[in-house]
């Protein structure tokens, strides 16, 4: 005998299925599967027609869909409550779905074969790409023009003078690519700075040169161990234009007056961190040759450049050390530093240069440059003694170019 509750549940399902869409009937005639516990229902096949969800537009389609879903859920859950023995599966312990098979025929053999379909793995397409050539030399170029300007009317209550300052800075680096030549170190750098300022207080000339410095350095090394290289170093510096004291024809400097050449043999330590935001190069030369030059001894006193009176050059042997540090603190702030010292064991000569570069945009930046110098080969100054100092704050246009590996 069929239990009365089973008859009621089956009757409820068929009654509801008869009044619904074909797709809804298919859903209700599927096996009962327990998913989660719900609150008890008050009547068979109840549907929740009351809801608070509404749209500004016509949402009848949404109301119909929600009512149909509620009817399906209520009918199935009522059947499970009244007849738990009809619930054959739990959603957490469903059996594996039946496997799919493919029927194939072989007319020549008069046979039918049933087998699982073969899954063909995708074949990776191998694309023949031409190797990317690596550059033997890596080039880096930085060029900038910075300026300051001030205009002051003749009746300005505090007085003052009009002035215009322009500072051009060109720097080119050409280094051997260590990705191609890991055992060699060959770095070359050439830099030229030229600063011009108006000279309103100078009755003899309209412009003055406040910065004129050409510098060329080169390092050649062969790897000894890890970051250390046996190396030879060269440094040459001079200026190009004549310079004078204000309101005077007394010359203070000219081309190759002064000029300086330094050659050294020793060891170089070269380090770069993983992301190349920090680089450090330290060159130590226990054997070093230094040549001081004063080409124009008729207009300049060579003693001011550490050269004996009446002589154009002075050669000395000693030792030197040069350290270069570059740190990209943030994507827009970079600190570059150079420290150089030479001694012939009678006098000491050294330079410490620092440049802070603040990038505003790709083509605009601000720079702070400081240069501290110590030279005991020159006459002693009353105030600064053997020390010299220069500081420049500038704003302007910059252009950068670099060759990738």
Protein backbone atom coordinates (compact mmCIF):
# COMPACT_ATOMS: atom_id res chain seq x y z
CA UNK A 1 0.00 0.00 0.00
CA UNK A 2 1.28 3.44 -0.87
CA UNK A 3 1.44 5.69 2.12
CA UNK A 4 -1.01 8.62 2.13
CA UNK A 5 1.73 11.24 2.47
CA UNK A 6 3.52 9.88 -0.60
CA UNK A 7 0.34 10.16 -2.59
CA UNK A 8 -0.17 13.75 -1.44
CA UNK A 9 3.41 14.73 -2.29
CA UNK A 10 3.25 13.16 -5.74
CA UNK A 11 -0.13 14.75 -6.34
CA UNK A 12 1.18 18.15 -5.33
CA UNK A 13 4.13 17.86 -7.67
CA UNK A 14 2.03 16.80 -10.68
CA UNK A 15 -0.61 19.45 -9.96
CA UNK A 16 2.02 22.18 -9.84
CA UNK A 17 3.87 20.81 -12.84
CA UNK A 18 0.72 20.83 -14.94
CA UNK A 19 0.29 24.56 -14.43
CA UNK A 20 3.88 25.55 -15.18
CA UNK A 21 6.14 25.99 -18.15
CA UNK A 22 7.79 22.93 -19.69
CA UNK A 23 11.20 23.87 -18.32
CA UNK A 24 9.71 24.16 -14.82
CA UNK A 25 8.17 20.67 -15.16
CA UNK A 26 11.58 19.24 -16.05
CA UNK A 27 13.07 20.78 -12.93
CA UNK A 28 10.36 19.40 -10.60
CA UNK A 29 10.61 15.85 -11.96
CA UNK A 30 14.34 15.63 -11.21
CA UNK A 31 15.49 13.49 -8.22
CA UNK A 32 15.22 15.14 -4.81
CA UNK A 33 18.62 16.39 -3.58
CA UNK A 34 19.09 17.86 -0.10
CA UNK A 35 21.03 21.12 -0.24
CA UNK A 36 20.50 22.98 3.06
CA UNK A 37 17.99 23.29 5.89
CA UNK A 38 15.08 25.71 5.50
CA UNK A 39 12.29 27.01 7.73
CA UNK A 40 9.15 24.75 7.77
CA UNK A 41 6.42 25.62 5.26
CA UNK A 42 2.80 26.16 6.26
CA UNK A 43 1.09 24.81 3.17
CA UNK A 44 1.84 22.44 0.33
CA UNK A 45 3.28 23.96 -2.80
CA UNK A 46 3.18 27.49 -1.29
CA UNK A 47 4.71 30.30 -3.23
CA UNK A 48 6.02 33.54 -1.92
CA UNK A 49 4.20 36.14 -3.96
CA UNK A 50 4.94 38.96 -1.49
CA UNK A 51 8.30 40.60 -1.98
CA UNK A 52 9.66 44.06 -1.51
CA UNK A 53 12.00 44.14 -4.49
CA UNK A 54 10.94 46.59 -7.16
CA UNK A 55 12.48 48.42 -10.09
CA UNK A 56 11.72 51.80 -11.55
CA UNK A 57 10.95 50.17 -14.89
CA UNK A 58 8.43 47.41 -15.58
CA UNK A 59 9.69 44.48 -13.49
CA UNK A 60 6.91 41.99 -14.08
CA UNK A 61 9.40 39.59 -15.65
CA UNK A 62 11.43 39.68 -12.45
CA UNK A 63 8.36 39.08 -10.27
CA UNK A 64 7.33 36.12 -12.43
CA UNK A 65 10.81 34.59 -12.31
CA UNK A 66 11.02 34.96 -8.52
CA UNK A 67 7.55 33.48 -8.03
CA UNK A 68 8.40 30.51 -10.24
CA UNK A 69 11.66 29.91 -8.34
CA UNK A 70 9.83 30.09 -5.01
CA UNK A 71 7.19 27.61 -6.15
CA UNK A 72 9.82 25.14 -7.29
CA UNK A 73 11.79 25.46 -4.06
CA UNK A 74 8.73 25.21 -1.81
CA UNK A 75 7.31 22.16 -3.63
CA UNK A 76 10.59 20.26 -3.54
CA UNK A 77 11.29 21.08 0.09
CA UNK A 78 7.69 20.09 1.14
CA UNK A 79 8.19 16.76 -0.59
CA UNK A 80 11.44 16.21 1.33
CA UNK A 81 9.83 17.09 4.69
CA UNK A 82 6.83 14.81 4.16
CA UNK A 83 8.86 11.97 2.62
CA UNK A 84 12.51 12.01 3.68
CA UNK A 85 12.88 8.43 2.36
CA UNK A 86 12.54 9.82 -1.16
CA UNK A 87 15.69 11.97 -0.76
CA UNK A 88 18.28 9.77 -2.39
CA UNK A 89 21.22 12.25 -2.46
CA UNK A 90 22.95 14.93 -0.43
CA UNK A 91 24.57 17.78 -2.38
CA UNK A 92 27.85 17.16 -0.51
CA UNK A 93 27.98 13.45 -1.37
CA UNK A 94 26.70 13.21 -4.91
CA UNK A 95 28.02 10.26 -6.94
CA UNK A 96 30.30 10.73 -9.90
CA UNK A 97 28.37 11.65 -13.06
CA UNK A 98 28.14 8.90 -15.68
CA UNK A 99 30.92 8.80 -18.19
CA UNK A 100 30.41 9.85 -21.76
CA UNK A 101 31.04 7.26 -24.46
CA UNK A 102 31.32 7.52 -28.22
CA UNK A 103 29.91 4.86 -30.57
CA UNK A 104 31.98 4.23 -33.71
CA UNK A 105 31.44 1.77 -36.51
CA UNK A 106 33.86 -0.16 -38.70
CA UNK A 107 32.00 -1.34 -41.83
CA UNK A 108 34.96 -3.36 -43.08
CA UNK A 109 34.95 -5.48 -39.94
CA UNK A 110 31.21 -5.26 -39.30
CA UNK A 111 31.84 -4.08 -35.74
CA UNK A 112 30.57 -1.35 -33.41
CA UNK A 113 32.94 0.09 -30.84
CA UNK A 114 31.98 1.95 -27.68
CA UNK A 115 34.80 3.89 -26.06
CA UNK A 116 35.44 7.01 -24.04
CA UNK A 117 36.23 10.05 -26.17
CA UNK A 118 39.89 10.85 -26.52
CA UNK A 119 40.93 14.25 -25.26
CA UNK A 120 43.55 15.73 -27.51
CA UNK A 121 45.87 18.05 -25.64
CA UNK A 122 46.57 21.32 -27.43
CA UNK A 123 49.92 21.38 -29.14
CA UNK A 124 52.08 24.34 -28.28
CA UNK A 125 53.03 26.13 -31.43
CA UNK A 126 56.74 26.75 -31.56
CA UNK A 127 57.49 30.10 -33.11
CA UNK A 128 60.92 30.53 -34.52
CA UNK A 129 61.95 33.94 -33.30
CA UNK A 130 65.14 35.62 -34.28
CA UNK A 131 67.42 36.10 -31.24
CA UNK A 132 67.44 39.62 -29.85
CA UNK A 133 70.94 41.01 -30.42
CA UNK A 134 72.70 42.33 -27.32
CA UNK A 135 74.61 45.59 -27.56
CA UNK A 136 78.32 45.51 -26.82
CA UNK A 137 78.16 49.12 -25.63
CA UNK A 138 75.55 50.82 -23.47
CA UNK A 139 75.14 54.55 -24.04
CA UNK A 140 73.56 57.04 -21.65
CA UNK A 141 73.11 60.72 -22.43
CA UNK A 142 71.82 63.45 -20.13
CA UNK A 143 71.48 67.03 -21.25
CA UNK A 144 69.96 69.90 -19.30
CA UNK A 145 69.67 73.68 -19.49
CA UNK A 146 68.86 75.43 -16.22
CA UNK A 147 68.33 79.11 -15.66
CA UNK A 148 67.36 81.81 -13.16
CA UNK A 149 66.27 85.37 -14.03
CA UNK A 150 65.46 88.49 -12.10
CA UNK A 151 64.31 91.95 -13.26
CA UNK A 152 64.44 94.92 -10.87
CA UNK A 153 63.20 98.39 -11.78
CA UNK A 154 65.49 101.38 -11.28
CA UNK A 155 63.32 102.76 -8.49
CA UNK A 156 63.04 99.51 -6.50
CA UNK A 157 63.11 100.54 -2.83
CA UNK A 158 65.75 97.96 -1.89
CA UNK A 159 67.96 98.47 -4.95
CA UNK A 160 69.53 95.55 -6.77
CA UNK A 161 70.57 94.55 -10.27
CA UNK A 162 68.95 92.65 -13.12
CA UNK A 163 70.52 89.27 -13.73
CA UNK A 164 70.17 86.20 -15.89
CA UNK A 165 71.97 82.92 -15.14
CA UNK A 166 72.15 79.98 -17.54
CA UNK A 167 73.72 76.62 -16.71
CA UNK A 168 74.15 73.92 -19.36
CA UNK A 169 75.14 70.39 -18.34
CA UNK A 170 75.95 67.65 -20.86
CA UNK A 171 76.91 64.15 -19.74
CA UNK A 172 77.60 61.12 -21.92
CA UNK A 173 78.48 57.63 -20.70
CA UNK A 174 79.62 54.70 -22.84
CA UNK A 175 80.09 51.46 -20.90
CA UNK A 176 80.91 47.93 -22.01
CA UNK A 177 77.87 45.65 -21.60
CA UNK A 178 78.77 43.19 -18.84
CA UNK A 179 75.89 40.91 -19.88
CA UNK A 180 77.93 40.20 -23.03
CA UNK A 181 81.41 40.53 -21.48
CA UNK A 182 81.01 39.48 -17.81
CA UNK A 183 84.77 39.41 -17.08
CA UNK A 184 85.52 42.91 -18.36
CA UNK A 185 84.88 46.36 -16.99
CA UNK A 186 85.22 49.32 -19.36
CA UNK A 187 83.43 52.52 -18.32
CA UNK A 188 83.85 55.88 -20.02
CA UNK A 189 82.27 59.20 -19.02
CA UNK A 190 82.53 62.68 -20.55
CA UNK A 191 80.85 65.70 -18.92
CA UNK A 192 80.85 69.40 -19.65
CA UNK A 193 79.29 72.17 -17.57
CA UNK A 194 79.03 75.77 -18.72
CA UNK A 195 77.46 78.52 -16.61
CA UNK A 196 76.99 82.10 -17.81
CA UNK A 197 75.66 85.01 -15.79
CA UNK A 198 75.01 88.65 -16.61
CA UNK A 199 77.53 91.02 -15.08
CA UNK A 200 75.69 94.29 -14.46
CA UNK A 201 78.32 95.44 -12.01
CA UNK A 202 81.18 94.79 -14.44
CA UNK A 203 82.02 97.85 -16.53
CA UNK A 204 84.24 95.87 -18.95
CA UNK A 205 81.97 93.01 -19.98
CA UNK A 206 78.27 92.14 -20.04
CA UNK A 207 78.61 88.46 -19.18
CA UNK A 208 80.76 86.37 -16.91
CA UNK A 209 81.48 82.67 -16.77
CA UNK A 210 80.81 81.15 -13.37
CA UNK A 211 81.11 77.49 -14.40
CA UNK A 212 83.38 76.01 -17.09
CA UNK A 213 84.41 72.44 -16.43
CA UNK A 214 85.25 69.62 -18.84
CA UNK A 215 85.83 66.16 -17.34
CA UNK A 216 86.69 62.84 -18.99
CA UNK A 217 87.19 59.59 -17.06
CA UNK A 218 87.86 56.05 -18.23
CA UNK A 219 88.26 52.72 -16.40
CA UNK A 220 89.43 49.44 -17.90
CA UNK A 221 89.39 46.33 -15.76
CA UNK A 222 89.53 42.54 -15.81
CA UNK A 223 87.68 40.50 -13.17
CA UNK A 224 89.81 39.23 -10.30
CA UNK A 225 87.18 37.84 -7.93
CA UNK A 226 83.46 38.56 -7.52
CA UNK A 227 83.06 42.39 -7.64
CA UNK A 228 86.79 43.17 -7.83
CA UNK A 229 88.73 43.97 -11.04
CA UNK A 230 92.36 44.60 -11.89
CA UNK A 231 92.10 48.03 -13.45
CA UNK A 232 93.73 51.01 -15.12
CA UNK A 233 92.23 54.49 -14.71
CA UNK A 234 92.45 57.77 -16.57
CA UNK A 235 91.09 61.21 -15.69
CA UNK A 236 91.46 64.49 -17.55
CA UNK A 237 89.87 67.87 -16.81
CA UNK A 238 90.19 71.44 -17.99
CA UNK A 239 88.10 74.44 -19.10
CA UNK A 240 87.59 76.05 -22.52
CA UNK A 241 86.94 79.79 -22.08
CA UNK A 242 88.87 82.71 -20.63
CA UNK A 243 87.68 84.06 -17.31
CA UNK A 244 88.48 87.38 -15.63
CA UNK A 245 88.08 89.15 -12.33
CA UNK A 246 85.23 91.75 -12.24
CA UNK A 247 86.14 95.19 -13.57
CA UNK A 248 89.62 93.97 -14.44
CA UNK A 249 91.67 92.51 -17.27
CA UNK A 250 93.30 90.09 -14.85
CA UNK A 251 92.73 86.58 -16.18
CA UNK A 252 91.86 83.81 -13.76
CA UNK A 253 91.66 80.81 -16.12
CA UNK A 254 91.72 79.79 -19.79
CA UNK A 255 91.92 76.67 -21.96
CA UNK A 256 94.34 74.13 -20.41
CA UNK A 257 95.11 76.68 -17.71
CA UNK A 258 94.59 74.84 -15.54
CA UNK A 259 94.48 71.35 -16.97
CA UNK A 260 95.06 68.08 -15.14
CA UNK A 261 95.75 64.50 -16.22
CA UNK A 262 95.84 61.51 -13.91
CA UNK A 263 96.74 57.88 -14.70
CA UNK A 264 96.51 55.06 -12.19
CA UNK A 265 96.91 51.29 -11.80
CA UNK A 266 95.20 49.28 -9.09
CA UNK A 267 91.90 47.59 -8.25
CA UNK A 268 88.27 48.57 -8.84
CA UNK A 269 85.23 47.44 -6.86
CA UNK A 270 81.99 47.51 -8.88
CA UNK A 271 78.57 46.79 -7.29
CA UNK A 272 74.95 47.03 -8.41
CA UNK A 273 71.94 45.87 -6.43
CA UNK A 274 69.30 43.55 -7.94
CA UNK A 275 66.97 46.28 -9.24
CA UNK A 276 69.92 48.57 -10.14
CA UNK A 277 68.68 51.48 -8.04
CA UNK A 278 72.05 51.63 -6.23
CA UNK A 279 75.46 51.50 -7.89
CA UNK A 280 78.88 51.89 -6.28
CA UNK A 281 82.27 51.99 -7.98
CA UNK A 282 85.48 52.40 -5.97
CA UNK A 283 88.81 52.61 -7.81
CA UNK A 284 91.99 52.35 -5.74
CA UNK A 285 95.31 53.12 -7.48
CA UNK A 286 98.43 52.71 -5.28
CA UNK A 287 100.49 53.69 -8.31
CA UNK A 288 99.31 56.97 -9.83
CA UNK A 289 100.79 59.63 -12.11
CA UNK A 290 99.53 63.22 -11.93
CA UNK A 291 100.27 65.97 -14.49
CA UNK A 292 99.28 69.59 -13.83
CA UNK A 293 99.19 71.94 -16.83
CA UNK A 294 99.22 75.73 -17.22
CA UNK A 295 99.42 76.58 -20.91
CA UNK A 296 99.27 80.39 -20.61
CA UNK A 297 101.95 81.39 -18.12
CA UNK A 298 102.11 84.90 -19.62
CA UNK A 299 98.67 85.86 -18.32
CA UNK A 300 98.32 83.42 -15.44
CA UNK A 301 100.45 82.57 -12.43
CA UNK A 302 101.13 78.81 -12.48
CA UNK A 303 101.70 78.86 -8.71
CA UNK A 304 97.91 79.24 -8.28
CA UNK A 305 97.55 75.80 -9.88
CA UNK A 306 100.24 74.02 -7.91
CA UNK A 307 102.96 74.44 -10.58
CA UNK A 308 106.42 75.84 -9.96
CA UNK A 309 107.01 79.47 -11.19
CA UNK A 310 107.97 79.74 -14.85
CA UNK A 311 106.92 76.17 -15.68
CA UNK A 312 104.01 74.98 -17.84
CA UNK A 313 103.67 71.54 -16.23
CA UNK A 314 104.41 69.61 -13.07
CA UNK A 315 104.57 65.81 -12.83
CA UNK A 316 104.22 63.88 -9.60
CA UNK A 317 103.76 60.23 -8.61
CA UNK A 318 101.61 59.04 -5.78
CA UNK A 319 98.31 57.31 -5.08
CA UNK A 320 94.67 58.12 -5.69
CA UNK A 321 91.21 56.82 -4.92
CA UNK A 322 87.93 57.59 -6.67
CA UNK A 323 84.46 56.54 -5.52
CA UNK A 324 81.23 57.02 -7.47
CA UNK A 325 77.83 56.46 -5.90
CA UNK A 326 74.42 56.64 -7.57
CA UNK A 327 71.17 56.04 -5.68
CA UNK A 328 67.70 56.28 -7.21
CA UNK A 329 65.94 57.12 -3.95
CA UNK A 330 62.49 57.33 -5.57
CA UNK A 331 61.40 57.30 -9.22
CA UNK A 332 61.72 61.10 -9.20
CA UNK A 333 64.70 61.69 -6.85
CA UNK A 334 68.29 60.66 -7.61
CA UNK A 335 71.48 61.26 -5.63
CA UNK A 336 74.84 61.10 -7.44
CA UNK A 337 78.13 61.52 -5.61
CA UNK A 338 81.79 61.50 -6.66
CA UNK A 339 84.74 61.48 -4.27
CA UNK A 340 88.32 61.80 -5.53
CA UNK A 341 91.64 62.13 -3.64
CA UNK A 342 95.22 62.26 -4.92
CA UNK A 343 98.37 62.50 -2.82
CA UNK A 344 102.07 62.42 -3.62
CA UNK A 345 102.72 62.03 0.13
CA UNK A 346 103.71 65.71 0.35
CA UNK A 347 100.37 67.34 -0.39
CA UNK A 348 96.75 66.18 -0.67
CA UNK A 349 94.25 67.22 -3.32
CA UNK A 350 90.61 66.09 -3.23
CA UNK A 351 87.13 66.74 -4.64
CA UNK A 352 83.73 65.73 -3.31
CA UNK A 353 80.80 66.45 -5.66
CA UNK A 354 77.14 65.78 -4.89
CA UNK A 355 74.15 66.22 -7.19
CA UNK A 356 70.51 65.84 -6.12
CA UNK A 357 68.15 65.57 -9.08
CA UNK A 358 64.43 66.17 -8.50
CA UNK A 359 62.38 65.25 -11.58
CA UNK A 360 59.15 67.23 -11.87
CA UNK A 361 58.11 65.84 -15.25
CA UNK A 362 59.94 63.92 -17.95
CA UNK A 363 61.49 67.13 -19.27
CA UNK A 364 61.57 69.42 -16.19
CA UNK A 365 63.73 69.03 -13.13
CA UNK A 366 65.46 70.81 -10.28
CA UNK A 367 69.08 70.21 -9.31
CA UNK A 368 71.15 70.94 -6.23
CA UNK A 369 74.90 70.69 -6.87
CA UNK A 370 77.64 71.05 -4.25
CA UNK A 371 81.39 70.81 -4.77
CA UNK A 372 83.82 70.74 -1.84
CA UNK A 373 87.51 70.85 -2.78
CA UNK A 374 90.73 70.59 -0.76
CA UNK A 375 94.06 71.47 -2.42
CA UNK A 376 97.16 71.87 -0.33
CA UNK A 377 99.35 72.47 -3.41
CA UNK A 378 97.88 75.98 -3.81
CA UNK A 379 98.69 79.07 -1.70
CA UNK A 380 96.82 79.20 1.60
CA UNK A 381 93.75 81.48 1.74
CA UNK A 382 93.16 83.64 4.81
CA UNK A 383 89.51 82.66 5.28
CA UNK A 384 89.10 79.26 3.63
CA UNK A 385 92.72 78.09 4.08
CA UNK A 386 93.06 75.11 1.67
CA UNK A 387 89.34 74.52 1.28
CA UNK A 388 87.13 75.66 -1.62
CA UNK A 389 83.36 75.35 -1.97
CA UNK A 390 80.73 75.82 -4.68
CA UNK A 391 76.93 75.37 -4.55
CA UNK A 392 74.37 75.73 -7.37
CA UNK A 393 70.57 75.44 -7.19
CA UNK A 394 68.92 75.40 -10.61
CA UNK A 395 65.66 74.66 -12.40
CA UNK A 396 65.25 73.89 -16.06
CA UNK A 397 64.76 71.55 -19.00
CA UNK A 398 66.34 68.09 -19.22
CA UNK A 399 66.64 65.43 -21.92
CA UNK A 400 67.72 61.84 -21.29
CA UNK A 401 68.58 59.00 -23.62
CA UNK A 402 69.78 55.49 -22.80
CA UNK A 403 70.54 52.28 -24.71
CA UNK A 404 69.06 49.11 -23.19
CA UNK A 405 70.88 45.78 -23.16
